[in-house]
Amino acid sequence: MYFKPIDEMSLRQLFSTDLAKGQLKLAYIGPVINSTGQIETSPDGLLLDMRNSPYRLVRGEFKYVPTSAGDFSHNGKFDIAVIWDYGQGTSKQQLEADLLRQNGCAEIVSLAEHKVFRNLPEFSYDHFSQRRVVENLEPMLLKRELHSVMAAYIAARKYPKTINSTQLVDFLAKKLPSVAKMQPQGRGNIISAFMQTNPALIKHMNLNNYRWNADFDPVTAASVIASILKDNFASDIPSDEDLNWI
């Protein structure tokens, strides 16, 4: 499961995940070493830039939320600055210009500029104290078809709001040809599939309305399911506009 970073260490950890590697086409290789084989204390590490062919090794420096080039003043020369976001009052253009002059840095990569990272859940005490995390969620989902996994994601993201099964099926039918071709009985199984799991992930509320099981943290679950949709099904994740329509 992935969370928004809360400091430089968690930023580095997020950057090192398959999620970030797939999104950014950048990968952490290891610490910077000099010609004698000694590890240099700065910058933070060597990155593999896979955005263009041929791939190239670059020197990278991590900062959580820098406020100025002064935050990088003791980091020597590097090619890419990897940050979570820009500090309050920090101009992206000014920071780029200052880092190029001060550190020879030609690029700033801000993870917060990418929707997939902005939508990650907050790392907080409440997520781990008030609700249980669903165990074995990934193997449970990988046994299901894309339409059911997407339905589970929508239910988790919509919580505490309910989802209307008719609107959900209409949305999936427009998005997925497999649902458009389904008989009515098959369409009914899309949402009921997760009412029959152990534990049940979705509960029937009333009429055609269903809701994510409040016993399990919906934010963490949505993060896990989003990764499965992207990595295992090569599927787009429903947008905020999609969620508002259902």
Protein backbone atom coordinates (compact mmCIF):
# COMPACT_ATOMS: atom_id res chain seq x y z
CA MET A 1 0.00 0.00 0.00
CA TYR A 2 1.19 3.51 -0.75
CA PHE A 3 0.74 6.81 1.11
CA LYS A 4 1.62 10.44 0.57
CA PRO A 5 5.10 11.05 1.99
CA ILE A 6 5.44 12.98 5.23
CA ASP A 7 9.20 13.57 5.16
CA GLU A 8 12.24 13.07 2.96
CA MET A 9 12.68 9.42 3.97
CA SER A 10 9.11 8.49 3.02
CA LEU A 11 9.53 10.46 -0.23
CA ARG A 12 12.54 8.29 -1.09
CA GLN A 13 10.56 5.16 -0.25
CA LEU A 14 7.65 6.20 -2.46
CA PHE A 15 10.06 7.06 -5.28
CA SER A 16 11.53 3.56 -5.03
CA THR A 17 8.18 1.77 -5.51
CA ASP A 18 7.01 0.12 -8.73
CA LEU A 19 4.18 2.68 -8.80
CA ALA A 20 6.63 5.59 -9.04
CA LYS A 21 8.95 3.75 -11.41
CA GLY A 22 6.08 3.11 -13.83
CA GLN A 23 4.77 6.66 -13.60
CA LEU A 24 8.02 8.62 -13.68
CA LYS A 25 10.26 6.27 -15.69
CA LEU A 26 12.98 6.97 -13.13
CA ALA A 27 14.54 4.42 -10.79
CA TYR A 28 16.89 4.64 -7.81
CA ILE A 29 20.08 2.66 -8.48
CA GLY A 30 22.24 3.32 -5.43
CA PRO A 31 24.53 5.84 -3.74
CA VAL A 32 26.93 7.99 -5.71
CA ILE A 33 30.47 6.56 -5.77
CA ASN A 34 33.64 8.29 -6.90
CA SER A 35 36.49 6.99 -9.06
CA THR A 36 38.14 5.32 -6.04
CA GLY A 37 34.98 3.39 -5.19
CA GLN A 38 34.16 5.49 -2.15
CA ILE A 39 30.57 6.51 -1.43
CA GLU A 40 29.99 10.24 -1.67
CA THR A 41 27.82 11.79 1.01
CA SER A 42 26.11 14.10 -1.47
CA PRO A 43 24.11 14.10 -3.66
CA ASP A 44 21.74 11.36 -2.50
CA GLY A 45 22.09 8.81 -5.26
CA LEU A 46 22.32 7.61 -8.81
CA LEU A 47 19.06 7.42 -10.75
CA LEU A 48 18.34 5.58 -13.97
CA ASP A 49 16.50 7.85 -16.40
CA MET A 50 14.36 5.58 -18.62
CA ARG A 51 12.31 8.28 -20.33
CA ASN A 52 14.36 8.23 -23.51
CA SER A 53 16.58 5.75 -25.30
CA PRO A 54 19.35 5.14 -24.55
CA TYR A 55 18.81 5.10 -20.79
CA ARG A 56 21.24 7.22 -18.79
CA LEU A 57 22.56 7.43 -15.23
CA VAL A 58 22.03 10.77 -13.51
CA ARG A 59 22.80 12.17 -10.08
CA GLY A 60 19.72 12.88 -7.98
CA GLU A 61 19.01 14.81 -4.80
CA PHE A 62 15.84 14.36 -2.67
CA LYS A 63 14.13 17.12 -0.71
CA TYR A 64 10.65 16.88 0.79
CA VAL A 65 9.24 20.42 0.36
CA PRO A 66 12.06 22.84 -0.43
CA THR A 67 11.48 26.54 0.04
CA SER A 68 14.55 27.81 -1.84
CA ALA A 69 17.80 26.78 -3.48
CA GLY A 70 19.39 27.31 -0.07
CA ASP A 71 18.00 23.92 0.96
CA PHE A 72 20.37 22.39 -1.62
CA SER A 73 23.40 24.57 -0.92
CA HIS A 74 25.53 21.76 0.55
CA ASN A 75 24.56 19.01 -1.91
CA GLY A 76 27.15 19.56 -4.62
CA LYS A 77 26.45 18.95 -8.29
CA PHE A 78 23.45 16.87 -9.39
CA ASP A 79 21.22 16.53 -12.44
CA ILE A 80 17.70 16.03 -11.03
CA ALA A 81 16.03 17.24 -7.84
CA VAL A 82 13.24 14.92 -6.67
CA ILE A 83 10.75 16.65 -4.37
CA TRP A 84 7.26 16.07 -3.06
CA ASP A 85 6.03 19.64 -3.60
CA TYR A 86 7.17 23.23 -3.66
CA GLY A 87 7.19 25.11 -0.37
CA GLN A 88 4.69 27.87 0.24
CA GLY A 89 5.65 30.96 -1.70
CA THR A 90 8.23 29.06 -3.73
CA SER A 91 8.29 29.78 -7.44
CA LYS A 92 8.94 26.72 -9.57
CA GLN A 93 10.60 28.83 -12.26
CA GLN A 94 12.83 30.65 -9.76
CA LEU A 95 13.87 27.43 -8.03
CA GLU A 96 14.73 25.84 -11.37
CA ALA A 97 16.88 28.82 -12.32
CA ASP A 98 18.62 28.93 -8.94
CA LEU A 99 19.36 25.18 -8.88
CA LEU A 100 20.77 25.28 -12.38
CA ARG A 101 23.14 28.08 -11.40
CA GLN A 102 24.03 26.70 -7.96
CA ASN A 103 24.08 22.92 -8.49
CA GLY A 104 24.03 22.38 -12.25
CA CYS A 105 20.58 20.81 -11.79
CA ALA A 106 18.66 20.81 -15.05
CA GLU A 107 15.32 19.41 -13.82
CA ILE A 108 12.99 19.27 -10.84
CA VAL A 109 10.64 16.27 -10.55
CA SER A 110 7.72 17.01 -8.22
CA LEU A 111 5.65 13.93 -7.38
CA ALA A 112 2.72 16.07 -6.21
CA GLU A 113 2.32 17.32 -9.79
CA HIS A 114 1.15 13.81 -10.75
CA LYS A 115 -2.45 12.90 -9.99
CA VAL A 116 -1.62 9.29 -9.10
CA PHE A 117 0.49 10.54 -6.17
CA ARG A 118 -1.79 13.42 -5.15
CA ASN A 119 -4.65 10.93 -4.76
CA LEU A 120 -2.75 8.68 -2.37
CA PRO A 121 -4.11 8.51 1.19
CA GLU A 122 -2.58 10.50 4.00
CA PHE A 123 -0.25 8.61 6.32
CA SER A 124 -1.89 9.16 9.69
CA TYR A 125 -2.57 7.53 13.04
CA ASP A 126 -6.30 7.28 12.31
CA HIS A 127 -5.78 4.93 9.37
CA PHE A 128 -4.19 2.34 11.63
CA SER A 129 -6.12 2.81 14.86
CA GLN A 130 -9.78 3.34 13.96
CA ARG A 131 -10.25 0.71 11.26
CA ARG A 132 -8.74 -2.59 10.32
CA VAL A 133 -6.85 -3.01 7.07
CA VAL A 134 -8.27 -5.74 4.87
CA GLU A 135 -5.90 -8.68 4.91
CA ASN A 136 -5.24 -10.58 1.69
CA LEU A 137 -7.02 -7.89 -0.31
CA GLU A 138 -4.75 -8.29 -3.33
CA PRO A 139 -5.20 -12.06 -3.83
CA MET A 140 -8.93 -11.63 -3.22
CA LEU A 141 -9.16 -9.05 -6.02
CA LEU A 142 -6.92 -10.88 -8.46
CA LYS A 143 -9.46 -13.70 -8.55
CA ARG A 144 -12.06 -11.30 -9.94
CA GLU A 145 -12.60 -9.71 -13.34
CA LEU A 146 -11.76 -6.11 -14.12
CA HIS A 147 -15.32 -4.84 -13.79
CA SER A 148 -15.67 -6.18 -10.24
CA VAL A 149 -12.30 -4.79 -9.16
CA MET A 150 -13.30 -1.40 -10.56
CA ALA A 151 -16.61 -1.60 -8.68
CA ALA A 152 -14.72 -2.27 -5.44
CA TYR A 153 -12.46 0.72 -6.09
CA ILE A 154 -15.46 2.99 -6.69
CA ALA A 155 -17.16 1.80 -3.50
CA ALA A 156 -14.02 2.44 -1.43
CA ARG A 157 -13.46 5.88 -2.96
CA LYS A 158 -17.12 6.91 -2.55
CA TYR A 159 -17.27 5.95 1.15
CA PRO A 160 -19.08 7.15 3.28
CA LYS A 161 -21.46 7.84 0.38
CA THR A 162 -23.41 4.96 -1.09
CA ILE A 163 -23.25 3.83 -4.71
CA ASN A 164 -26.32 3.16 -6.80
CA SER A 165 -25.96 -0.20 -8.54
CA THR A 166 -27.88 0.92 -11.64
CA GLN A 167 -25.68 3.97 -12.13
CA LEU A 168 -22.57 1.88 -11.42
CA VAL A 169 -23.46 -0.72 -14.05
CA ASP A 170 -24.35 2.00 -16.59
CA PHE A 171 -20.94 3.59 -16.02
CA LEU A 172 -19.09 0.27 -16.36
CA ALA A 173 -21.08 -0.64 -19.49
CA LYS A 174 -19.92 2.57 -21.16
CA LYS A 175 -16.33 1.99 -20.07
CA LEU A 176 -15.94 -1.78 -20.53
CA PRO A 177 -17.21 -3.77 -23.55
CA SER A 178 -17.39 -6.91 -21.39
CA VAL A 179 -20.08 -5.31 -19.22
CA ALA A 180 -21.98 -3.91 -22.21
CA LYS A 181 -22.37 -7.47 -23.54
CA MET A 182 -23.54 -8.94 -20.22
CA GLN A 183 -26.97 -10.36 -19.55
CA PRO A 184 -28.91 -8.69 -16.68
CA GLN A 185 -28.12 -11.53 -14.28
CA GLY A 186 -24.40 -11.18 -14.92
CA ARG A 187 -24.56 -7.45 -14.33
CA GLY A 188 -26.14 -8.07 -10.96
CA ASN A 189 -23.15 -10.14 -9.90
CA ILE A 190 -20.73 -7.26 -10.43
CA ILE A 191 -21.40 -5.70 -7.07
CA SER A 192 -22.68 -8.78 -5.24
CA ALA A 193 -19.32 -10.49 -5.81
CA PHE A 194 -17.85 -8.54 -2.90
CA MET A 195 -20.83 -9.12 -0.63
CA GLN A 196 -20.01 -12.84 -0.70
CA THR A 197 -16.30 -12.59 0.11
CA ASN A 198 -14.89 -13.30 3.55
CA PRO A 199 -14.84 -10.63 4.82
CA ALA A 200 -17.59 -8.89 2.86
CA LEU A 201 -16.17 -5.70 1.36
CA ILE A 202 -19.48 -4.17 0.27
CA LYS A 203 -22.76 -4.03 2.17
CA HIS A 204 -26.31 -3.63 0.90
CA MET A 205 -27.91 -0.54 2.43
CA ASN A 206 -31.38 -0.20 0.85
CA LEU A 207 -33.07 -0.62 -2.52
CA ASN A 208 -30.27 -0.35 -5.15
CA ASN A 209 -27.82 1.36 -2.83
CA TYR A 210 -24.61 -0.19 -1.54
CA ARG A 211 -21.65 1.01 0.52
CA TRP A 212 -18.11 -0.02 1.36
CA ASN A 213 -17.90 -2.04 4.59
CA ALA A 214 -17.02 0.57 7.23
CA ASP A 215 -15.15 -2.05 9.29
CA PHE A 216 -12.23 -1.71 6.88
CA ASP A 217 -10.23 1.38 6.05
CA PRO A 218 -11.57 2.62 2.68
CA VAL A 219 -8.67 4.99 2.02
CA THR A 220 -6.01 2.30 2.33
CA ALA A 221 -8.15 -0.13 0.33
CA ALA A 222 -8.66 2.39 -2.47
CA SER A 223 -4.89 2.87 -2.69
CA VAL A 224 -4.30 -0.89 -2.95
CA ILE A 225 -7.07 -1.38 -5.51
CA ALA A 226 -5.83 1.54 -7.63
CA SER A 227 -2.40 -0.10 -7.85
CA ILE A 228 -3.99 -3.41 -8.86
CA LEU A 229 -6.08 -1.74 -11.57
CA LYS A 230 -3.00 -0.08 -13.00
CA ASP A 231 -0.38 -2.82 -12.55
CA ASN A 232 -2.38 -6.03 -12.99
CA PHE A 233 -5.17 -4.96 -15.34
CA ALA A 234 -3.42 -2.11 -17.20
CA SER A 235 -6.60 -0.13 -16.58
CA ASP A 236 -7.27 3.55 -16.11
CA ILE A 237 -8.49 4.52 -12.66
CA PRO A 238 -11.95 6.15 -12.52
CA SER A 239 -11.58 9.93 -12.31
CA ASP A 240 -13.11 12.25 -9.74
CA GLU A 241 -15.64 13.25 -12.42
CA ASP A 242 -16.57 9.60 -12.89
CA LEU A 243 -17.05 9.16 -9.15
CA ASN A 244 -19.28 12.23 -8.93
CA TRP A 245 -21.53 10.82 -11.66
CA ILE A 246 -22.10 7.43 -10.01
